[in-house]
Amino acid sequence: MPLGQSETCERELNAYFWGGEGRKPKGLPYQLAALRRYGLQATYFVDPLFSCCLGASVLSDVVDTIAAAGQEIGLHLHPEWLTDPRCQGLPKFAGPLLHEYTEVAQRSLIKTGLQLLAEAGAPDIRVFRAGSWGANLVTLSALASTGIRFDTSLNAYTRESFPDLVSRGDLVQPCFIEGIWEFPVTFFIDRPPRGKRPLHVTACTFAELRLALEHAYTRGWFAVVIVLHSFEFVRVAALDRVDARVGIQRILVQRFERLCRYLSLNRDRFSTSCFRDLGAIETPPVDEHPARSNVFRTAARQASQLLSRIL
């Protein structure tokens, strides 16, 4: 549903970007501080299209916050913003997923996104991720024409991700496609067998994250891609109410801290990196079979998910 012309989304921005008010907000600044504390690198994918509706100053604040922390900024695009009449001079809304647009339209959106990020002060953008993972092979061709070198839109768990790529479910390591290095989101096989589960900090236990990392290390993988969003450590109830409060997802925060600590203590085996720092990509033949979990880890995750709704 399009936003009202006077809608500024101030409360949503305060909650989902900054983590709300109070002594211990858990939004973007908290994540950046934790990464700095543990000496880790990360890439934050920023969707600049919202600034066409809500103003450039908020985008500049987000970009400045990430850049000041020494972390990388990548381009992110959610075409849903095109439903807002304040998005002038852009392709007409054709659906919420990027692959629903022609190559000309995708190239236009990508170029606009890069321009908006540059105007907000973002350094040179090297990497892209489609909103809701909704990219296709046309997206990669459009990206290559703009000079972007990397993409991380391939998520085998999501049907909307690269529906035109035959090998979409088998790729676990970087591969060169349509002039772009594609870095798939890492996944493992869940047990009981429920298919591929992506390495998403809020959707896996620490034991599952560690399983996938150890599996990748023993098999000599080049890369592991772990997903995290800026809003996932907060719980917002009835945000449309004047007295709405932002709570903390304590279990998820603890899991994030454990993952950061684990990576920091094992930096002799695992090196976190931004895409801007990658040189030549060499992916020698390796065992690309994903890790397989077991029923005990699955049960532990389900229990953790239940507890996170209560605590």
C-alpha atoms as a PDB file:
ATOM      1  CA  MET A   1       0.000   0.000   0.000  1.00  0.00           C
ATOM      2  CA  PRO A   2       1.487   3.415  -0.947  1.00  0.00           C
ATOM      3  CA  LEU A   3       2.423   5.751   1.885  1.00  0.00           C
ATOM      4  CA  GLY A   4       0.460   8.925   2.458  1.00  0.00           C
ATOM      5  CA  GLN A   5       2.014  12.069   0.988  1.00  0.00           C
ATOM      6  CA  SER A   6       2.694  13.425   4.475  1.00  0.00           C
ATOM      7  CA  GLU A   7       4.021  10.141   5.912  1.00  0.00           C
ATOM      8  CA  THR A   8       7.608  10.458   7.192  1.00  0.00           C
ATOM      9  CA  CYS A   9       7.917   7.028   8.869  1.00  0.00           C
ATOM     10  CA  GLU A  10       9.851   8.702  11.678  1.00  0.00           C
ATOM     11  CA  ARG A  11       8.824   6.170  14.296  1.00  0.00           C
ATOM     12  CA  GLU A  12       9.602   3.223  12.018  1.00  0.00           C
ATOM     13  CA  LEU A  13      13.007   4.636  11.181  1.00  0.00           C
ATOM     14  CA  ASN A  14      13.748   5.227  14.847  1.00  0.00           C
ATOM     15  CA  ALA A  15      12.758   1.668  15.707  1.00  0.00           C
ATOM     16  CA  TYR A  16      14.137  -0.358  12.814  1.00  0.00           C
ATOM     17  CA  PHE A  17      17.286   1.597  11.971  1.00  0.00           C
ATOM     18  CA  TRP A  18      18.360   3.020  15.294  1.00  0.00           C
ATOM     19  CA  GLY A  19      16.829   0.466  17.658  1.00  0.00           C
ATOM     20  CA  GLY A  20      14.498   2.827  19.519  1.00  0.00           C
ATOM     21  CA  GLU A  21      15.106   4.989  22.523  1.00  0.00           C
ATOM     22  CA  GLY A  22      16.301   3.971  25.967  1.00  0.00           C
ATOM     23  CA  ARG A  23      19.551   2.919  27.612  1.00  0.00           C
ATOM     24  CA  LYS A  24      20.329  -0.056  25.394  1.00  0.00           C
ATOM     25  CA  PRO A  25      18.941   0.257  21.850  1.00  0.00           C
ATOM     26  CA  LYS A  26      19.865  -2.669  19.603  1.00  0.00           C
ATOM     27  CA  GLY A  27      19.664  -1.211  16.116  1.00  0.00           C
ATOM     28  CA  LEU A  28      22.322  -0.310  13.588  1.00  0.00           C
ATOM     29  CA  PRO A  29      24.650   1.586  15.984  1.00  0.00           C
ATOM     30  CA  TYR A  30      24.726  -1.381  18.379  1.00  0.00           C
ATOM     31  CA  GLN A  31      25.632  -3.806  15.592  1.00  0.00           C
ATOM     32  CA  LEU A  32      28.391  -1.529  14.325  1.00  0.00           C
ATOM     33  CA  ALA A  33      29.784  -1.112  17.834  1.00  0.00           C
ATOM     34  CA  ALA A  34      29.807  -4.882  18.358  1.00  0.00           C
ATOM     35  CA  LEU A  35      31.622  -5.461  15.079  1.00  0.00           C
ATOM     36  CA  ARG A  36      34.204  -2.850  16.053  1.00  0.00           C
ATOM     37  CA  ARG A  37      34.632  -4.375  19.516  1.00  0.00           C
ATOM     38  CA  TYR A  38      35.403  -7.802  18.044  1.00  0.00           C
ATOM     39  CA  GLY A  39      37.443  -6.480  15.115  1.00  0.00           C
ATOM     40  CA  LEU A  40      35.126  -7.845  12.406  1.00  0.00           C
ATOM     41  CA  GLN A  41      34.224  -6.614   8.924  1.00  0.00           C
ATOM     42  CA  ALA A  42      30.743  -6.589   7.388  1.00  0.00           C
ATOM     43  CA  THR A  43      28.844  -5.221   4.408  1.00  0.00           C
ATOM     44  CA  TYR A  44      25.602  -3.298   4.968  1.00  0.00           C
ATOM     45  CA  PHE A  45      23.235  -3.254   2.012  1.00  0.00           C
ATOM     46  CA  VAL A  46      21.385   0.063   1.976  1.00  0.00           C
ATOM     47  CA  ASP A  47      18.242   0.667  -0.070  1.00  0.00           C
ATOM     48  CA  PRO A  48      18.372   4.344  -1.113  1.00  0.00           C
ATOM     49  CA  LEU A  49      14.977   4.450  -2.863  1.00  0.00           C
ATOM     50  CA  PHE A  50      13.242   5.340   0.391  1.00  0.00           C
ATOM     51  CA  SER A  51      14.965   8.733   0.276  1.00  0.00           C
ATOM     52  CA  CYS A  52      12.849   9.648  -2.757  1.00  0.00           C
ATOM     53  CA  CYS A  53       9.857   9.541  -0.410  1.00  0.00           C
ATOM     54  CA  LEU A  54      11.244  10.322   3.049  1.00  0.00           C
ATOM     55  CA  GLY A  55      14.069  12.731   2.203  1.00  0.00           C
ATOM     56  CA  ALA A  56      17.807  12.588   1.607  1.00  0.00           C
ATOM     57  CA  SER A  57      18.840  13.516   5.149  1.00  0.00           C
ATOM     58  CA  VAL A  58      17.867  10.143   6.632  1.00  0.00           C
ATOM     59  CA  LEU A  59      19.819   8.312   3.948  1.00  0.00           C
ATOM     60  CA  SER A  60      22.846  10.520   4.634  1.00  0.00           C
ATOM     61  CA  ASP A  61      22.589   9.736   8.355  1.00  0.00           C
ATOM     62  CA  VAL A  62      22.550   5.988   7.669  1.00  0.00           C
ATOM     63  CA  VAL A  63      25.441   6.175   5.191  1.00  0.00           C
ATOM     64  CA  ASP A  64      27.526   8.363   7.519  1.00  0.00           C
ATOM     65  CA  THR A  65      26.920   6.026  10.463  1.00  0.00           C
ATOM     66  CA  ILE A  66      28.075   2.935   8.545  1.00  0.00           C
ATOM     67  CA  ALA A  67      31.029   4.637   6.848  1.00  0.00           C
ATOM     68  CA  ALA A  68      32.242   6.182  10.122  1.00  0.00           C
ATOM     69  CA  ALA A  69      32.350   2.689  11.633  1.00  0.00           C
ATOM     70  CA  GLY A  70      34.633   1.508   8.830  1.00  0.00           C
ATOM     71  CA  GLN A  71      32.129  -0.957   7.384  1.00  0.00           C
ATOM     72  CA  GLU A  72      31.219  -1.387   3.720  1.00  0.00           C
ATOM     73  CA  ILE A  73      28.069  -0.085   2.047  1.00  0.00           C
ATOM     74  CA  GLY A  74      26.430  -2.112  -0.720  1.00  0.00           C
ATOM     75  CA  LEU A  75      23.444  -1.288  -2.913  1.00  0.00           C
ATOM     76  CA  HIS A  76      20.069  -2.790  -2.028  1.00  0.00           C
ATOM     77  CA  LEU A  77      16.812  -2.261  -3.937  1.00  0.00           C
ATOM     78  CA  HIS A  78      13.192  -2.878  -2.949  1.00  0.00           C
ATOM     79  CA  PRO A  79      10.934  -1.892  -5.882  1.00  0.00           C
ATOM     80  CA  GLU A  80       7.988  -1.538  -3.481  1.00  0.00           C
ATOM     81  CA  TRP A  81       9.015   2.110  -3.039  1.00  0.00           C
ATOM     82  CA  LEU A  82       7.896   2.738  -6.623  1.00  0.00           C
ATOM     83  CA  THR A  83       4.280   2.598  -5.408  1.00  0.00           C
ATOM     84  CA  ASP A  84       4.837   5.995  -3.764  1.00  0.00           C
ATOM     85  CA  PRO A  85       3.968   8.926  -6.080  1.00  0.00           C
ATOM     86  CA  ARG A  86       6.918  10.835  -4.639  1.00  0.00           C
ATOM     87  CA  CYS A  87       9.238   8.518  -6.602  1.00  0.00           C
ATOM     88  CA  GLN A  88       9.408  10.671  -9.698  1.00  0.00           C
ATOM     89  CA  GLY A  89      11.251   9.854 -12.929  1.00  0.00           C
ATOM     90  CA  LEU A  90      11.613   6.148 -12.142  1.00  0.00           C
ATOM     91  CA  PRO A  91      10.150   3.067 -13.855  1.00  0.00           C
ATOM     92  CA  LYS A  92       6.510   2.319 -13.120  1.00  0.00           C
ATOM     93  CA  PHE A  93       5.792  -0.203 -10.391  1.00  0.00           C
ATOM     94  CA  ALA A  94       5.658  -3.685 -11.945  1.00  0.00           C
ATOM     95  CA  GLY A  95       5.826  -5.803  -8.811  1.00  0.00           C
ATOM     96  CA  PRO A  96       7.741  -6.146  -5.526  1.00  0.00           C
ATOM     97  CA  LEU A  97      10.587  -8.213  -7.010  1.00  0.00           C
ATOM     98  CA  LEU A  98      13.357  -6.857  -9.199  1.00  0.00           C
ATOM     99  CA  HIS A  99      13.165  -9.742 -11.677  1.00  0.00           C
ATOM    100  CA  GLU A 100       9.664  -8.588 -12.614  1.00  0.00           C
ATOM    101  CA  TYR A 101      11.246  -5.617 -14.424  1.00  0.00           C
ATOM    102  CA  THR A 102      12.862  -5.424 -17.841  1.00  0.00           C
ATOM    103  CA  GLU A 103      16.619  -5.081 -18.148  1.00  0.00           C
ATOM    104  CA  VAL A 104      16.192  -1.425 -19.132  1.00  0.00           C
ATOM    105  CA  ALA A 105      14.102  -0.773 -16.012  1.00  0.00           C
ATOM    106  CA  GLN A 106      16.485  -2.710 -13.772  1.00  0.00           C
ATOM    107  CA  ARG A 107      19.457  -0.795 -15.136  1.00  0.00           C
ATOM    108  CA  SER A 108      17.614   2.481 -14.502  1.00  0.00           C
ATOM    109  CA  LEU A 109      16.841   1.519 -10.892  1.00  0.00           C
ATOM    110  CA  ILE A 110      20.421   0.389 -10.257  1.00  0.00           C
ATOM    111  CA  LYS A 111      21.886   3.596 -11.685  1.00  0.00           C
ATOM    112  CA  THR A 112      19.444   5.685  -9.648  1.00  0.00           C
ATOM    113  CA  GLY A 113      20.343   3.763  -6.503  1.00  0.00           C
ATOM    114  CA  LEU A 114      24.063   4.283  -7.093  1.00  0.00           C
ATOM    115  CA  GLN A 115      23.526   7.990  -7.719  1.00  0.00           C
ATOM    116  CA  LEU A 116      21.470   8.416  -4.536  1.00  0.00           C
ATOM    117  CA  LEU A 117      24.096   6.625  -2.454  1.00  0.00           C
ATOM    118  CA  ALA A 118      26.879   8.724  -3.998  1.00  0.00           C
ATOM    119  CA  GLU A 119      24.968  11.929  -3.228  1.00  0.00           C
ATOM    120  CA  ALA A 120      24.556  10.702   0.357  1.00  0.00           C
ATOM    121  CA  GLY A 121      28.336  10.351   0.657  1.00  0.00           C
ATOM    122  CA  ALA A 122      28.743   6.596   0.200  1.00  0.00           C
ATOM    123  CA  PRO A 123      32.155   5.426  -1.032  1.00  0.00           C
ATOM    124  CA  ASP A 124      32.511   3.483  -4.278  1.00  0.00           C
ATOM    125  CA  ILE A 125      29.859   0.728  -4.363  1.00  0.00           C
ATOM    126  CA  ARG A 126      31.188  -2.685  -5.362  1.00  0.00           C
ATOM    127  CA  VAL A 127      28.380  -5.094  -4.394  1.00  0.00           C
ATOM    128  CA  PHE A 128      24.620  -5.526  -4.739  1.00  0.00           C
ATOM    129  CA  ARG A 129      21.794  -7.495  -3.150  1.00  0.00           C
ATOM    130  CA  ALA A 130      18.210  -7.494  -4.459  1.00  0.00           C
ATOM    131  CA  GLY A 131      15.369  -6.866  -2.034  1.00  0.00           C
ATOM    132  CA  SER A 132      13.640 -10.100  -1.016  1.00  0.00           C
ATOM    133  CA  TRP A 133      16.388 -11.884  -2.990  1.00  0.00           C
ATOM    134  CA  GLY A 134      14.339 -11.201  -6.133  1.00  0.00           C
ATOM    135  CA  ALA A 135      17.111 -11.032  -8.730  1.00  0.00           C
ATOM    136  CA  ASN A 136      17.529 -12.934 -11.993  1.00  0.00           C
ATOM    137  CA  LEU A 137      20.148 -13.305 -14.709  1.00  0.00           C
ATOM    138  CA  VAL A 138      18.972 -10.043 -16.262  1.00  0.00           C
ATOM    139  CA  THR A 139      19.866  -8.337 -12.979  1.00  0.00           C
ATOM    140  CA  LEU A 140      23.450  -9.551 -13.261  1.00  0.00           C
ATOM    141  CA  SER A 141      23.753  -8.222 -16.800  1.00  0.00           C
ATOM    142  CA  ALA A 142      22.376  -4.871 -15.662  1.00  0.00           C
ATOM    143  CA  LEU A 143      24.819  -4.788 -12.752  1.00  0.00           C
ATOM    144  CA  ALA A 144      27.780  -5.556 -15.009  1.00  0.00           C
ATOM    145  CA  SER A 145      26.881  -2.589 -17.210  1.00  0.00           C
ATOM    146  CA  THR A 146      27.146  -0.249 -14.209  1.00  0.00           C
ATOM    147  CA  GLY A 147      30.553  -1.467 -13.029  1.00  0.00           C
ATOM    148  CA  ILE A 148      29.394  -3.377  -9.959  1.00  0.00           C
ATOM    149  CA  ARG A 149      31.569  -6.456  -9.531  1.00  0.00           C
ATOM    150  CA  PHE A 150      29.788  -8.615  -6.928  1.00  0.00           C
ATOM    151  CA  ASP A 151      26.250  -9.769  -6.168  1.00  0.00           C
ATOM    152  CA  THR A 152      24.849 -11.687  -3.178  1.00  0.00           C
ATOM    153  CA  SER A 153      21.212 -12.084  -4.219  1.00  0.00           C
ATOM    154  CA  LEU A 154      21.250 -15.861  -4.652  1.00  0.00           C
ATOM    155  CA  ASN A 155      19.385 -17.510  -1.789  1.00  0.00           C
ATOM    156  CA  ALA A 156      18.526 -21.124  -2.639  1.00  0.00           C
ATOM    157  CA  TYR A 157      15.959 -21.208   0.193  1.00  0.00           C
ATOM    158  CA  THR A 158      13.784 -18.620  -1.568  1.00  0.00           C
ATOM    159  CA  ARG A 159      11.936 -19.528  -4.769  1.00  0.00           C
ATOM    160  CA  GLU A 160      11.907 -15.894  -5.899  1.00  0.00           C
ATOM    161  CA  SER A 161      15.696 -15.838  -6.066  1.00  0.00           C
ATOM    162  CA  PHE A 162      17.054 -16.414  -9.613  1.00  0.00           C
ATOM    163  CA  PRO A 163      14.121 -18.435 -10.968  1.00  0.00           C
ATOM    164  CA  ASP A 164      15.868 -18.544 -14.363  1.00  0.00           C
ATOM    165  CA  LEU A 165      19.130 -20.036 -13.052  1.00  0.00           C
ATOM    166  CA  VAL A 166      19.038 -23.818 -13.479  1.00  0.00           C
ATOM    167  CA  SER A 167      21.849 -24.473 -10.982  1.00  0.00           C
ATOM    168  CA  ARG A 168      20.448 -22.094  -8.328  1.00  0.00           C
ATOM    169  CA  GLY A 169      20.064 -24.865  -5.741  1.00  0.00           C
ATOM    170  CA  ASP A 170      23.533 -26.317  -6.149  1.00  0.00           C
ATOM    171  CA  LEU A 171      25.801 -23.275  -5.915  1.00  0.00           C
ATOM    172  CA  VAL A 172      27.504 -22.770  -2.571  1.00  0.00           C
ATOM    173  CA  GLN A 173      30.713 -21.018  -3.641  1.00  0.00           C
ATOM    174  CA  PRO A 174      31.376 -17.861  -5.688  1.00  0.00           C
ATOM    175  CA  CYS A 175      30.895 -18.281  -9.409  1.00  0.00           C
ATOM    176  CA  PHE A 176      31.231 -15.932 -12.379  1.00  0.00           C
ATOM    177  CA  ILE A 177      27.868 -15.425 -14.083  1.00  0.00           C
ATOM    178  CA  GLU A 178      26.884 -12.817 -16.685  1.00  0.00           C
ATOM    179  CA  GLY A 179      30.007 -10.771 -15.942  1.00  0.00           C
ATOM    180  CA  ILE A 180      29.418 -10.702 -12.158  1.00  0.00           C
ATOM    181  CA  TRP A 181      30.877 -12.695  -9.265  1.00  0.00           C
ATOM    182  CA  GLU A 182      27.877 -14.222  -7.522  1.00  0.00           C
ATOM    183  CA  PHE A 183      28.353 -15.006  -3.811  1.00  0.00           C
ATOM    184  CA  PRO A 184      25.442 -17.268  -2.788  1.00  0.00           C
ATOM    185  CA  VAL A 185      24.048 -17.111   0.720  1.00  0.00           C
ATOM    186  CA  THR A 186      25.503 -20.112   2.547  1.00  0.00           C
ATOM    187  CA  PHE A 187      23.036 -22.800   3.623  1.00  0.00           C
ATOM    188  CA  PHE A 188      22.971 -26.171   5.352  1.00  0.00           C
ATOM    189  CA  ILE A 189      20.595 -29.138   5.103  1.00  0.00           C
ATOM    190  CA  ASP A 190      18.142 -29.071   7.964  1.00  0.00           C
ATOM    191  CA  ARG A 191      17.055 -32.172   9.878  1.00  0.00           C
ATOM    192  CA  PRO A 192      14.427 -33.546   9.838  1.00  0.00           C
ATOM    193  CA  PRO A 193      14.907 -33.013   6.096  1.00  0.00           C
ATOM    194  CA  ARG A 194      13.218 -29.712   5.378  1.00  0.00           C
ATOM    195  CA  GLY A 195      15.510 -28.533   2.651  1.00  0.00           C
ATOM    196  CA  LYS A 196      18.072 -25.776   2.600  1.00  0.00           C
ATOM    197  CA  ARG A 197      18.305 -23.398   5.569  1.00  0.00           C
ATOM    198  CA  PRO A 198      20.264 -20.172   4.964  1.00  0.00           C
ATOM    199  CA  LEU A 199      22.859 -18.872   7.417  1.00  0.00           C
ATOM    200  CA  HIS A 200      20.675 -16.132   8.822  1.00  0.00           C
ATOM    201  CA  VAL A 201      21.684 -15.043  12.310  1.00  0.00           C
ATOM    202  CA  THR A 202      18.090 -14.790  13.500  1.00  0.00           C
ATOM    203  CA  ALA A 203      16.962 -18.061  11.861  1.00  0.00           C
ATOM    204  CA  CYS A 204      19.743 -20.396  13.037  1.00  0.00           C
ATOM    205  CA  THR A 205      21.147 -21.293  16.420  1.00  0.00           C
ATOM    206  CA  PHE A 206      24.783 -20.626  17.196  1.00  0.00           C
ATOM    207  CA  ALA A 207      25.409 -24.384  16.976  1.00  0.00           C
ATOM    208  CA  GLU A 208      24.057 -24.417  13.411  1.00  0.00           C
ATOM    209  CA  LEU A 209      26.133 -21.384  12.428  1.00  0.00           C
ATOM    210  CA  ARG A 210      29.238 -23.013  13.879  1.00  0.00           C
ATOM    211  CA  LEU A 211      28.451 -26.297  12.115  1.00  0.00           C
ATOM    212  CA  ALA A 212      28.336 -24.557   8.727  1.00  0.00           C
ATOM    213  CA  LEU A 213      31.509 -22.573   9.393  1.00  0.00           C
ATOM    214  CA  GLU A 214      33.481 -25.609  10.511  1.00  0.00           C
ATOM    215  CA  HIS A 215      32.191 -27.599   7.549  1.00  0.00           C
ATOM    216  CA  ALA A 216      33.338 -24.871   5.153  1.00  0.00           C
ATOM    217  CA  TYR A 217      36.757 -24.625   6.781  1.00  0.00           C
ATOM    218  CA  THR A 218      37.520 -28.342   6.656  1.00  0.00           C
ATOM    219  CA  ARG A 219      36.603 -28.413   2.970  1.00  0.00           C
ATOM    220  CA  GLY A 220      38.646 -25.392   1.996  1.00  0.00           C
ATOM    221  CA  TRP A 221      35.776 -23.180   0.873  1.00  0.00           C
ATOM    222  CA  PHE A 222      36.638 -19.684  -0.317  1.00  0.00           C
ATOM    223  CA  ALA A 223      33.663 -17.927   1.279  1.00  0.00           C
ATOM    224  CA  VAL A 224      30.758 -18.206   3.697  1.00  0.00           C
ATOM    225  CA  VAL A 225      27.959 -15.627   3.434  1.00  0.00           C
ATOM    226  CA  ILE A 226      25.969 -14.939   6.624  1.00  0.00           C
ATOM    227  CA  VAL A 227      22.864 -12.729   6.620  1.00  0.00           C
ATOM    228  CA  LEU A 228      21.788 -10.155   9.190  1.00  0.00           C
ATOM    229  CA  HIS A 229      19.370  -7.197   9.120  1.00  0.00           C
ATOM    230  CA  SER A 230      19.554  -3.952  11.068  1.00  0.00           C
ATOM    231  CA  PHE A 231      16.096  -4.352  12.629  1.00  0.00           C
ATOM    232  CA  GLU A 232      16.192  -7.939  13.828  1.00  0.00           C
ATOM    233  CA  PHE A 233      17.238  -7.404  17.422  1.00  0.00           C
ATOM    234  CA  VAL A 234      14.226  -5.264  18.316  1.00  0.00           C
ATOM    235  CA  ARG A 235      10.640  -6.226  19.025  1.00  0.00           C
ATOM    236  CA  VAL A 236       8.022  -3.594  18.226  1.00  0.00           C
ATOM    237  CA  ALA A 237       4.437  -4.035  19.362  1.00  0.00           C
ATOM    238  CA  ALA A 238       1.640  -1.885  17.918  1.00  0.00           C
ATOM    239  CA  LEU A 239       3.896   0.733  16.380  1.00  0.00           C
ATOM    240  CA  ASP A 240       0.827   2.655  15.276  1.00  0.00           C
ATOM    241  CA  ARG A 241       0.083   3.435  18.932  1.00  0.00           C
ATOM    242  CA  VAL A 242       1.415   6.641  20.453  1.00  0.00           C
ATOM    243  CA  ASP A 243       2.788   4.781  23.483  1.00  0.00           C
ATOM    244  CA  ALA A 244       4.424   1.976  21.476  1.00  0.00           C
ATOM    245  CA  ARG A 245       7.742   0.768  22.890  1.00  0.00           C
ATOM    246  CA  VAL A 246      10.690  -0.999  21.322  1.00  0.00           C
ATOM    247  CA  GLY A 247      11.801  -4.143  23.133  1.00  0.00           C
ATOM    248  CA  ILE A 248      14.947  -6.242  22.792  1.00  0.00           C
ATOM    249  CA  GLN A 249      15.172  -9.712  21.270  1.00  0.00           C
ATOM    250  CA  ARG A 250      17.552 -10.902  23.988  1.00  0.00           C
ATOM    251  CA  ILE A 251      18.167 -14.415  22.664  1.00  0.00           C
ATOM    252  CA  LEU A 252      19.028 -13.082  19.215  1.00  0.00           C
ATOM    253  CA  VAL A 253      21.371 -10.463  20.659  1.00  0.00           C
ATOM    254  CA  GLN A 254      23.156 -13.138  22.696  1.00  0.00           C
ATOM    255  CA  ARG A 255      23.488 -15.331  19.583  1.00  0.00           C
ATOM    256  CA  PHE A 256      24.979 -12.451  17.603  1.00  0.00           C
ATOM    257  CA  GLU A 257      27.464 -11.751  20.385  1.00  0.00           C
ATOM    258  CA  ARG A 258      28.454 -15.433  20.514  1.00  0.00           C
ATOM    259  CA  LEU A 259      28.995 -15.509  16.758  1.00  0.00           C
ATOM    260  CA  CYS A 260      31.130 -12.351  16.867  1.00  0.00           C
ATOM    261  CA  ARG A 261      33.176 -13.736  19.758  1.00  0.00           C
ATOM    262  CA  TYR A 262      33.661 -17.067  17.967  1.00  0.00           C
ATOM    263  CA  LEU A 263      34.874 -15.395  14.774  1.00  0.00           C
ATOM    264  CA  SER A 264      37.183 -13.134  16.739  1.00  0.00           C
ATOM    265  CA  LEU A 265      38.728 -16.020  18.687  1.00  0.00           C
ATOM    266  CA  ASN A 266      39.175 -18.075  15.514  1.00  0.00           C
ATOM    267  CA  ARG A 267      40.510 -15.383  13.195  1.00  0.00           C
ATOM    268  CA  ASP A 268      43.431 -17.686  12.345  1.00  0.00           C
ATOM    269  CA  ARG A 269      40.901 -19.831  10.466  1.00  0.00           C
ATOM    270  CA  PHE A 270      38.117 -17.375   9.590  1.00  0.00           C
ATOM    271  CA  SER A 271      38.811 -13.934   8.161  1.00  0.00           C
ATOM    272  CA  THR A 272      35.864 -11.549   7.796  1.00  0.00           C
ATOM    273  CA  SER A 273      36.124  -9.339   4.748  1.00  0.00           C
ATOM    274  CA  CYS A 274      34.329  -6.609   2.820  1.00  0.00           C
ATOM    275  CA  PHE A 275      33.820  -7.035  -0.906  1.00  0.00           C
ATOM    276  CA  ARG A 276      35.760  -3.844  -1.558  1.00  0.00           C
ATOM    277  CA  ASP A 277      38.872  -5.599  -0.232  1.00  0.00           C
ATOM    278  CA  LEU A 278      38.619  -8.659  -2.458  1.00  0.00           C
ATOM    279  CA  GLY A 279      41.183  -8.926  -5.228  1.00  0.00           C
ATOM    280  CA  ALA A 280      41.359 -11.837  -7.626  1.00  0.00           C
ATOM    281  CA  ILE A 281      38.807 -14.543  -6.861  1.00  0.00           C
ATOM    282  CA  GLU A 282      40.261 -18.026  -6.975  1.00  0.00           C
ATOM    283  CA  THR A 283      37.914 -20.892  -6.242  1.00  0.00           C
ATOM    284  CA  PRO A 284      39.807 -24.181  -6.625  1.00  0.00           C
ATOM    285  CA  PRO A 285      37.748 -27.378  -6.902  1.00  0.00           C
ATOM    286  CA  VAL A 286      36.404 -28.273  -3.451  1.00  0.00           C
ATOM    287  CA  ASP A 287      33.759 -30.482  -1.911  1.00  0.00           C
ATOM    288  CA  GLU A 288      30.735 -28.201  -2.301  1.00  0.00           C
ATOM    289  CA  HIS A 289      28.250 -30.418  -0.518  1.00  0.00           C
ATOM    290  CA  PRO A 290      26.592 -28.318   2.202  1.00  0.00           C
ATOM    291  CA  ALA A 291      26.734 -29.236   5.857  1.00  0.00           C
ATOM    292  CA  ARG A 292      24.005 -31.505   7.207  1.00  0.00           C
ATOM    293  CA  SER A 293      22.467 -30.864  10.582  1.00  0.00           C
ATOM    294  CA  ASN A 294      20.669 -33.346  12.834  1.00  0.00           C
ATOM    295  CA  VAL A 295      17.376 -33.619  14.661  1.00  0.00           C
ATOM    296  CA  PHE A 296      18.884 -32.403  17.953  1.00  0.00           C
ATOM    297  CA  ARG A 297      20.091 -29.096  16.486  1.00  0.00           C
ATOM    298  CA  THR A 298      16.740 -28.631  14.762  1.00  0.00           C
ATOM    299  CA  ALA A 299      14.867 -29.235  18.010  1.00  0.00           C
ATOM    300  CA  ALA A 300      17.158 -26.821  19.837  1.00  0.00           C
ATOM    301  CA  ARG A 301      16.431 -24.116  17.250  1.00  0.00           C
ATOM    302  CA  GLN A 302      12.691 -24.635  17.512  1.00  0.00           C
ATOM    303  CA  ALA A 303      12.910 -24.340  21.297  1.00  0.00           C
ATOM    304  CA  SER A 304      14.985 -21.180  20.932  1.00  0.00           C
ATOM    305  CA  GLN A 305      12.420 -19.685  18.552  1.00  0.00           C
ATOM    306  CA  LEU A 306       9.664 -20.389  21.027  1.00  0.00           C
ATOM    307  CA  LEU A 307      11.610 -18.787  23.884  1.00  0.00           C
ATOM    308  CA  SER A 308      12.419 -15.706  21.799  1.00  0.00           C
ATOM    309  CA  ARG A 309       8.697 -14.994  21.513  1.00  0.00           C
ATOM    310  CA  ILE A 310       8.368 -14.996  25.293  1.00  0.00           C
ATOM    311  CA  LEU A 311      11.560 -13.399  26.639  1.00  0.00           C
END
